[in-house]
Amino acid sequence: MSEITPQSAADAELKRLERSLSELILTVDRLKEENRSLKSRQESLAAERAALMQKNEQVRARVEAMIGRLKSMEHGA
């Protein structure tokens, strides 16, 4: 039967800590990449939203202009 010595217990604990640290490093790397991807997507969506809002404003102005022209035609007739 083998005895667990303080040295072998310390070695086992050190190996366990190394595995935990390696897992944490992998998790941090994965989260960094996910965060970078999400930030990029957020920037893209913000730009798309701004473009859509600008188009919406242009369409609104054109519709208001058409309504104004129709009203003036109505009053002129």
PDB file of N, CA and C in Angstrom:
ATOM      1  N   MET A   1       0.820  -1.174   0.000  1.00  0.00           N
ATOM      2  CA  MET A   1       0.000   0.000   0.000  1.00  0.00           C
ATOM      3  C   MET A   1       0.866   1.239   0.000  1.00  0.00           C
ATOM      4  N   SER A   2       0.458   2.211  -0.785  1.00  0.00           N
ATOM      5  CA  SER A   2       1.271   3.423  -0.848  1.00  0.00           C
ATOM      6  C   SER A   2       0.692   4.464   0.087  1.00  0.00           C
ATOM      7  N   GLU A   3       1.572   5.151   0.756  1.00  0.00           N
ATOM      8  CA  GLU A   3       1.161   6.198   1.680  1.00  0.00           C
ATOM      9  C   GLU A   3       1.148   7.533   0.959  1.00  0.00           C
ATOM     10  N   ILE A   4       0.244   8.412   1.367  1.00  0.00           N
ATOM     11  CA  ILE A   4       0.214   9.754   0.814  1.00  0.00           C
ATOM     12  C   ILE A   4       1.093  10.621   1.701  1.00  0.00           C
ATOM     13  N   THR A   5       2.179  11.067   1.106  1.00  0.00           N
ATOM     14  CA  THR A   5       3.108  11.912   1.853  1.00  0.00           C
ATOM     15  C   THR A   5       2.712  13.361   1.680  1.00  0.00           C
ATOM     16  N   PRO A   6       3.169  14.206   2.576  1.00  0.00           N
ATOM     17  CA  PRO A   6       2.862  15.640   2.404  1.00  0.00           C
ATOM     18  C   PRO A   6       3.327  16.160   1.046  1.00  0.00           C
ATOM     19  N   GLN A   7       4.440  15.663   0.560  1.00  0.00           N
ATOM     20  CA  GLN A   7       4.965  16.106  -0.739  1.00  0.00           C
ATOM     21  C   GLN A   7       4.042  15.661  -1.873  1.00  0.00           C
ATOM     22  N   SER A   8       3.598  14.396  -1.837  1.00  0.00           N
ATOM     23  CA  SER A   8       2.724  13.913  -2.914  1.00  0.00           C
ATOM     24  C   SER A   8       1.364  14.609  -2.847  1.00  0.00           C
ATOM     25  N   ALA A   9       0.884  14.916  -1.640  1.00  0.00           N
ATOM     26  CA  ALA A   9      -0.372  15.659  -1.515  1.00  0.00           C
ATOM     27  C   ALA A   9      -0.206  17.062  -2.077  1.00  0.00           C
ATOM     28  N   ALA A  10       0.904  17.689  -1.809  1.00  0.00           N
ATOM     29  CA  ALA A  10       1.173  19.029  -2.341  1.00  0.00           C
ATOM     30  C   ALA A  10       1.291  18.982  -3.858  1.00  0.00           C
ATOM     31  N   ASP A  11       1.961  17.932  -4.370  1.00  0.00           N
ATOM     32  CA  ASP A  11       2.088  17.788  -5.825  1.00  0.00           C
ATOM     33  C   ASP A  11       0.713  17.604  -6.482  1.00  0.00           C
ATOM     34  N   ALA A  12      -0.137  16.797  -5.853  1.00  0.00           N
ATOM     35  CA  ALA A  12      -1.475  16.567  -6.398  1.00  0.00           C
ATOM     36  C   ALA A  12      -2.285  17.864  -6.376  1.00  0.00           C
ATOM     37  N   GLU A  13      -2.173  18.601  -5.289  1.00  0.00           N
ATOM     38  CA  GLU A  13      -2.893  19.883  -5.195  1.00  0.00           C
ATOM     39  C   GLU A  13      -2.372  20.870  -6.233  1.00  0.00           C
ATOM     40  N   LEU A  14      -1.070  20.884  -6.432  1.00  0.00           N
ATOM     41  CA  LEU A  14      -0.474  21.764  -7.434  1.00  0.00           C
ATOM     42  C   LEU A  14      -0.972  21.408  -8.834  1.00  0.00           C
ATOM     43  N   LYS A  15      -1.055  20.123  -9.138  1.00  0.00           N
ATOM     44  CA  LYS A  15      -1.565  19.681 -10.448  1.00  0.00           C
ATOM     45  C   LYS A  15      -3.026  20.099 -10.609  1.00  0.00           C
ATOM     46  N   ARG A  16      -3.807  19.959  -9.534  1.00  0.00           N
ATOM     47  CA  ARG A  16      -5.210  20.357  -9.596  1.00  0.00           C
ATOM     48  C   ARG A  16      -5.333  21.855  -9.849  1.00  0.00           C
ATOM     49  N   LEU A  17      -4.509  22.628  -9.171  1.00  0.00           N
ATOM     50  CA  LEU A  17      -4.521  24.076  -9.365  1.00  0.00           C
ATOM     51  C   LEU A  17      -4.081  24.456 -10.777  1.00  0.00           C
ATOM     52  N   GLU A  18      -3.104  23.752 -11.309  1.00  0.00           N
ATOM     53  CA  GLU A  18      -2.654  24.008 -12.693  1.00  0.00           C
ATOM     54  C   GLU A  18      -3.777  23.745 -13.686  1.00  0.00           C
ATOM     55  N   ARG A  19      -4.511  22.639 -13.488  1.00  0.00           N
ATOM     56  CA  ARG A  19      -5.644  22.327 -14.378  1.00  0.00           C
ATOM     57  C   ARG A  19      -6.717  23.409 -14.268  1.00  0.00           C
ATOM     58  N   SER A  20      -7.007  23.819 -13.031  1.00  0.00           N
ATOM     59  CA  SER A  20      -8.009  24.866 -12.834  1.00  0.00           C
ATOM     60  C   SER A  20      -7.572  26.164 -13.495  1.00  0.00           C
ATOM     61  N   LEU A  21      -6.328  26.510 -13.357  1.00  0.00           N
ATOM     62  CA  LEU A  21      -5.802  27.731 -13.967  1.00  0.00           C
ATOM     63  C   LEU A  21      -5.872  27.644 -15.495  1.00  0.00           C
ATOM     64  N   SER A  22      -5.525  26.499 -16.034  1.00  0.00           N
ATOM     65  CA  SER A  22      -5.601  26.317 -17.489  1.00  0.00           C
ATOM     66  C   SER A  22      -7.034  26.470 -17.987  1.00  0.00           C
ATOM     67  N   GLU A  23      -7.983  25.891 -17.241  1.00  0.00           N
ATOM     68  CA  GLU A  23      -9.389  26.024 -17.615  1.00  0.00           C
ATOM     69  C   GLU A  23      -9.831  27.486 -17.540  1.00  0.00           C
ATOM     70  N   LEU A  24      -9.405  28.180 -16.516  1.00  0.00           N
ATOM     71  CA  LEU A  24      -9.760  29.592 -16.386  1.00  0.00           C
ATOM     72  C   LEU A  24      -9.183  30.424 -17.522  1.00  0.00           C
ATOM     73  N   ILE A  25      -7.961  30.145 -17.900  1.00  0.00           N
ATOM     74  CA  ILE A  25      -7.331  30.872 -19.011  1.00  0.00           C
ATOM     75  C   ILE A  25      -8.109  30.632 -20.303  1.00  0.00           C
ATOM     76  N   LEU A  26      -8.492  29.377 -20.541  1.00  0.00           N
ATOM     77  CA  LEU A  26      -9.289  29.077 -21.737  1.00  0.00           C
ATOM     78  C   LEU A  26     -10.637  29.797 -21.704  1.00  0.00           C
ATOM     79  N   THR A  27     -11.256  29.822 -20.545  1.00  0.00           N
ATOM     80  CA  THR A  27     -12.543  30.508 -20.410  1.00  0.00           C
ATOM     81  C   THR A  27     -12.395  31.999 -20.655  1.00  0.00           C
ATOM     82  N   VAL A  28     -11.357  32.604 -20.093  1.00  0.00           N
ATOM     83  CA  VAL A  28     -11.111  34.037 -20.294  1.00  0.00           C
ATOM     84  C   VAL A  28     -10.867  34.329 -21.768  1.00  0.00           C
ATOM     85  N   ASP A  29     -10.070  33.500 -22.427  1.00  0.00           N
ATOM     86  CA  ASP A  29      -9.799  33.703 -23.855  1.00  0.00           C
ATOM     87  C   ASP A  29     -11.084  33.597 -24.673  1.00  0.00           C
ATOM     88  N   ARG A  30     -11.909  32.600 -24.342  1.00  0.00           N
ATOM     89  CA  ARG A  30     -13.171  32.427 -25.064  1.00  0.00           C
ATOM     90  C   ARG A  30     -14.091  33.632 -24.830  1.00  0.00           C
ATOM     91  N   LEU A  31     -14.161  34.093 -23.589  1.00  0.00           N
ATOM     92  CA  LEU A  31     -15.016  35.242 -23.284  1.00  0.00           C
ATOM     93  C   LEU A  31     -14.503  36.523 -23.936  1.00  0.00           C
ATOM     94  N   LYS A  32     -13.187  36.680 -24.013  1.00  0.00           N
ATOM     95  CA  LYS A  32     -12.626  37.849 -24.696  1.00  0.00           C
ATOM     96  C   LYS A  32     -13.031  37.859 -26.165  1.00  0.00           C
ATOM     97  N   GLU A  33     -12.947  36.693 -26.804  1.00  0.00           N
ATOM     98  CA  GLU A  33     -13.315  36.596 -28.213  1.00  0.00           C
ATOM     99  C   GLU A  33     -14.814  36.840 -28.395  1.00  0.00           C
ATOM    100  N   GLU A  34     -15.606  36.269 -27.509  1.00  0.00           N
ATOM    101  CA  GLU A  34     -17.054  36.481 -27.578  1.00  0.00           C
ATOM    102  C   GLU A  34     -17.386  37.961 -27.370  1.00  0.00           C
ATOM    103  N   ASN A  35     -16.720  38.594 -26.431  1.00  0.00           N
ATOM    104  CA  ASN A  35     -16.940  40.019 -26.160  1.00  0.00           C
ATOM    105  C   ASN A  35     -16.548  40.863 -27.374  1.00  0.00           C
ATOM    106  N   ARG A  36     -15.419  40.544 -27.995  1.00  0.00           N
ATOM    107  CA  ARG A  36     -14.983  41.268 -29.182  1.00  0.00           C
ATOM    108  C   ARG A  36     -16.018  41.124 -30.296  1.00  0.00           C
ATOM    109  N   SER A  37     -16.514  39.912 -30.473  1.00  0.00           N
ATOM    110  CA  SER A  37     -17.514  39.650 -31.504  1.00  0.00           C
ATOM    111  C   SER A  37     -18.808  40.410 -31.221  1.00  0.00           C
ATOM    112  N   LEU A  38     -19.235  40.407 -29.968  1.00  0.00           N
ATOM    113  CA  LEU A  38     -20.464  41.118 -29.603  1.00  0.00           C
ATOM    114  C   LEU A  38     -20.319  42.624 -29.770  1.00  0.00           C
ATOM    115  N   LYS A  39     -19.161  43.162 -29.426  1.00  0.00           N
ATOM    116  CA  LYS A  39     -18.934  44.600 -29.607  1.00  0.00           C
ATOM    117  C   LYS A  39     -18.962  44.965 -31.087  1.00  0.00           C
ATOM    118  N   SER A  40     -18.364  44.124 -31.900  1.00  0.00           N
ATOM    119  CA  SER A  40     -18.371  44.359 -33.342  1.00  0.00           C
ATOM    120  C   SER A  40     -19.796  44.321 -33.884  1.00  0.00           C
ATOM    121  N   ARG A  41     -20.566  43.359 -33.436  1.00  0.00           N
ATOM    122  CA  ARG A  41     -21.970  43.238 -33.872  1.00  0.00           C
ATOM    123  C   ARG A  41     -22.782  44.442 -33.404  1.00  0.00           C
ATOM    124  N   GLN A  42     -22.516  44.878 -32.176  1.00  0.00           N
ATOM    125  CA  GLN A  42     -23.227  46.039 -31.643  1.00  0.00           C
ATOM    126  C   GLN A  42     -22.922  47.287 -32.474  1.00  0.00           C
ATOM    127  N   GLU A  43     -21.662  47.484 -32.838  1.00  0.00           N
ATOM    128  CA  GLU A  43     -21.285  48.629 -33.665  1.00  0.00           C
ATOM    129  C   GLU A  43     -21.967  48.555 -35.024  1.00  0.00           C
ATOM    130  N   SER A  44     -22.014  47.362 -35.586  1.00  0.00           N
ATOM    131  CA  SER A  44     -22.654  47.168 -36.881  1.00  0.00           C
ATOM    132  C   SER A  44     -24.151  47.473 -36.801  1.00  0.00           C
ATOM    133  N   LEU A  45     -24.787  46.983 -35.749  1.00  0.00           N
ATOM    134  CA  LEU A  45     -26.224  47.240 -35.584  1.00  0.00           C
ATOM    135  C   LEU A  45     -26.504  48.714 -35.318  1.00  0.00           C
ATOM    136  N   ALA A  46     -25.633  49.372 -34.584  1.00  0.00           N
ATOM    137  CA  ALA A  46     -25.819  50.803 -34.315  1.00  0.00           C
ATOM    138  C   ALA A  46     -25.708  51.602 -35.614  1.00  0.00           C
ATOM    139  N   ALA A  47     -24.751  51.235 -36.467  1.00  0.00           N
ATOM    140  CA  ALA A  47     -24.598  51.914 -37.752  1.00  0.00           C
ATOM    141  C   ALA A  47     -25.814  51.657 -38.643  1.00  0.00           C
ATOM    142  N   GLU A  48     -26.291  50.417 -38.632  1.00  0.00           N
ATOM    143  CA  GLU A  48     -27.473  50.074 -39.432  1.00  0.00           C
ATOM    144  C   GLU A  48     -28.692  50.842 -38.920  1.00  0.00           C
ATOM    145  N   ARG A  49     -28.825  50.942 -37.622  1.00  0.00           N
ATOM    146  CA  ARG A  49     -29.951  51.679 -37.029  1.00  0.00           C
ATOM    147  C   ARG A  49     -29.898  53.154 -37.425  1.00  0.00           C
ATOM    148  N   ALA A  50     -28.710  53.738 -37.374  1.00  0.00           N
ATOM    149  CA  ALA A  50     -28.570  55.151 -37.750  1.00  0.00           C
ATOM    150  C   ALA A  50     -28.954  55.355 -39.217  1.00  0.00           C
ATOM    151  N   ALA A  51     -28.525  54.440 -40.075  1.00  0.00           N
ATOM    152  CA  ALA A  51     -28.865  54.550 -41.501  1.00  0.00           C
ATOM    153  C   ALA A  51     -30.373  54.423 -41.713  1.00  0.00           C
ATOM    154  N   LEU A  52     -30.997  53.489 -40.995  1.00  0.00           N
ATOM    155  CA  LEU A  52     -32.446  53.318 -41.125  1.00  0.00           C
ATOM    156  C   LEU A  52     -33.205  54.527 -40.597  1.00  0.00           C
ATOM    157  N   MET A  53     -32.731  55.104 -39.519  1.00  0.00           N
ATOM    158  CA  MET A  53     -33.382  56.301 -38.990  1.00  0.00           C
ATOM    159  C   MET A  53     -33.268  57.458 -39.981  1.00  0.00           C
ATOM    160  N   GLN A  54     -32.117  57.570 -40.635  1.00  0.00           N
ATOM    161  CA  GLN A  54     -31.933  58.633 -41.623  1.00  0.00           C
ATOM    162  C   GLN A  54     -32.876  58.414 -42.814  1.00  0.00           C
ATOM    163  N   LYS A  55     -32.967  57.179 -43.286  1.00  0.00           N
ATOM    164  CA  LYS A  55     -33.880  56.875 -44.389  1.00  0.00           C
ATOM    165  C   LYS A  55     -35.327  57.157 -43.987  1.00  0.00           C
ATOM    166  N   ASN A  56     -35.672  56.778 -42.767  1.00  0.00           N
ATOM    167  CA  ASN A  56     -37.022  57.019 -42.269  1.00  0.00           C
ATOM    168  C   ASN A  56     -37.331  58.519 -42.261  1.00  0.00           C
ATOM    169  N   GLU A  57     -36.385  59.306 -41.822  1.00  0.00           N
ATOM    170  CA  GLU A  57     -36.568  60.763 -41.794  1.00  0.00           C
ATOM    171  C   GLU A  57     -36.732  61.312 -43.213  1.00  0.00           C
ATOM    172  N   GLN A  58     -35.951  60.800 -44.158  1.00  0.00           N
ATOM    173  CA  GLN A  58     -36.066  61.247 -45.553  1.00  0.00           C
ATOM    174  C   GLN A  58     -37.444  60.893 -46.117  1.00  0.00           C
ATOM    175  N   VAL A  59     -37.898  59.694 -45.842  1.00  0.00           N
ATOM    176  CA  VAL A  59     -39.220  59.273 -46.338  1.00  0.00           C
ATOM    177  C   VAL A  59     -40.309  60.123 -45.699  1.00  0.00           C
ATOM    178  N   ARG A  60     -40.192  60.379 -44.402  1.00  0.00           N
ATOM    179  CA  ARG A  60     -41.178  61.207 -43.712  1.00  0.00           C
ATOM    180  C   ARG A  60     -41.246  62.598 -44.348  1.00  0.00           C
ATOM    181  N   ALA A  61     -40.081  63.170 -44.644  1.00  0.00           N
ATOM    182  CA  ALA A  61     -40.047  64.502 -45.259  1.00  0.00           C
ATOM    183  C   ALA A  61     -40.685  64.468 -46.649  1.00  0.00           C
ATOM    184  N   ARG A  62     -40.426  63.414 -47.412  1.00  0.00           N
ATOM    185  CA  ARG A  62     -41.022  63.310 -48.747  1.00  0.00           C
ATOM    186  C   ARG A  62     -42.534  63.155 -48.665  1.00  0.00           C
ATOM    187  N   VAL A  63     -43.001  62.350 -47.711  1.00  0.00           N
ATOM    188  CA  VAL A  63     -44.449  62.163 -47.562  1.00  0.00           C
ATOM    189  C   VAL A  63     -45.092  63.481 -47.148  1.00  0.00           C
ATOM    190  N   GLU A  64     -44.478  64.188 -46.205  1.00  0.00           N
ATOM    191  CA  GLU A  64     -45.026  65.482 -45.792  1.00  0.00           C
ATOM    192  C   GLU A  64     -45.061  66.463 -46.969  1.00  0.00           C
ATOM    193  N   ALA A  65     -44.032  66.433 -47.815  1.00  0.00           N
ATOM    194  CA  ALA A  65     -44.009  67.305 -48.993  1.00  0.00           C
ATOM    195  C   ALA A  65     -45.132  66.935 -49.956  1.00  0.00           C
ATOM    196  N   MET A  66     -45.351  65.634 -50.150  1.00  0.00           N
ATOM    197  CA  MET A  66     -46.439  65.194 -51.032  1.00  0.00           C
ATOM    198  C   MET A  66     -47.794  65.635 -50.481  1.00  0.00           C
ATOM    199  N   ILE A  67     -47.969  65.497 -49.174  1.00  0.00           N
ATOM    200  CA  ILE A  67     -49.226  65.916 -48.549  1.00  0.00           C
ATOM    201  C   ILE A  67     -49.426  67.422 -48.753  1.00  0.00           C
ATOM    202  N   GLY A  68     -48.358  68.175 -48.586  1.00  0.00           N
ATOM    203  CA  GLY A  68     -48.435  69.616 -48.804  1.00  0.00           C
ATOM    204  C   GLY A  68     -48.819  69.946 -50.232  1.00  0.00           C
ATOM    205  N   ARG A  69     -48.233  69.247 -51.196  1.00  0.00           N
ATOM    206  CA  ARG A  69     -48.565  69.486 -52.605  1.00  0.00           C
ATOM    207  C   ARG A  69     -50.019  69.110 -52.884  1.00  0.00           C
ATOM    208  N   LEU A  70     -50.480  67.996 -52.318  1.00  0.00           N
ATOM    209  CA  LEU A  70     -51.876  67.592 -52.516  1.00  0.00           C
ATOM    210  C   LEU A  70     -52.840  68.616 -51.924  1.00  0.00           C
ATOM    211  N   LYS A  71     -52.494  69.139 -50.732  1.00  0.00           N
ATOM    212  CA  LYS A  71     -53.360  70.135 -50.131  1.00  0.00           C
ATOM    213  C   LYS A  71     -53.402  71.401 -50.965  1.00  0.00           C
ATOM    214  N   SER A  72     -52.244  71.800 -51.510  1.00  0.00           N
ATOM    215  CA  SER A  72     -52.230  73.007 -52.338  1.00  0.00           C
ATOM    216  C   SER A  72     -52.988  72.790 -53.633  1.00  0.00           C
ATOM    217  N   MET A  73     -52.928  71.573 -54.189  1.00  0.00           N
ATOM    218  CA  MET A  73     -53.695  71.276 -55.390  1.00  0.00           C
ATOM    219  C   MET A  73     -55.195  71.299 -55.071  1.00  0.00           C
ATOM    220  N   GLU A  74     -55.548  70.825 -53.891  1.00  0.00           N
ATOM    221  CA  GLU A  74     -56.945  70.781 -53.474  1.00  0.00           C
ATOM    222  C   GLU A  74     -57.513  72.195 -53.325  1.00  0.00           C
ATOM    223  N   HIS A  75     -56.695  73.070 -52.746  1.00  0.00           N
ATOM    224  CA  HIS A  75     -57.126  74.457 -52.544  1.00  0.00           C
ATOM    225  C   HIS A  75     -57.142  75.222 -53.876  1.00  0.00           C
ATOM    226  N   GLY A  76     -56.263  74.835 -54.778  1.00  0.00           N
ATOM    227  CA  GLY A  76     -56.191  75.512 -56.084  1.00  0.00           C
ATOM    228  C   GLY A  76     -57.281  75.081 -57.023  1.00  0.00           C
ATOM    229  N   ALA A  77     -57.875  73.924 -56.808  1.00  0.00           N
ATOM    230  CA  ALA A  77     -58.895  73.391 -57.725  1.00  0.00           C
ATOM    231  C   ALA A  77     -60.249  73.974 -57.532  1.00  0.00           C
TER     232      ALA A  77
END
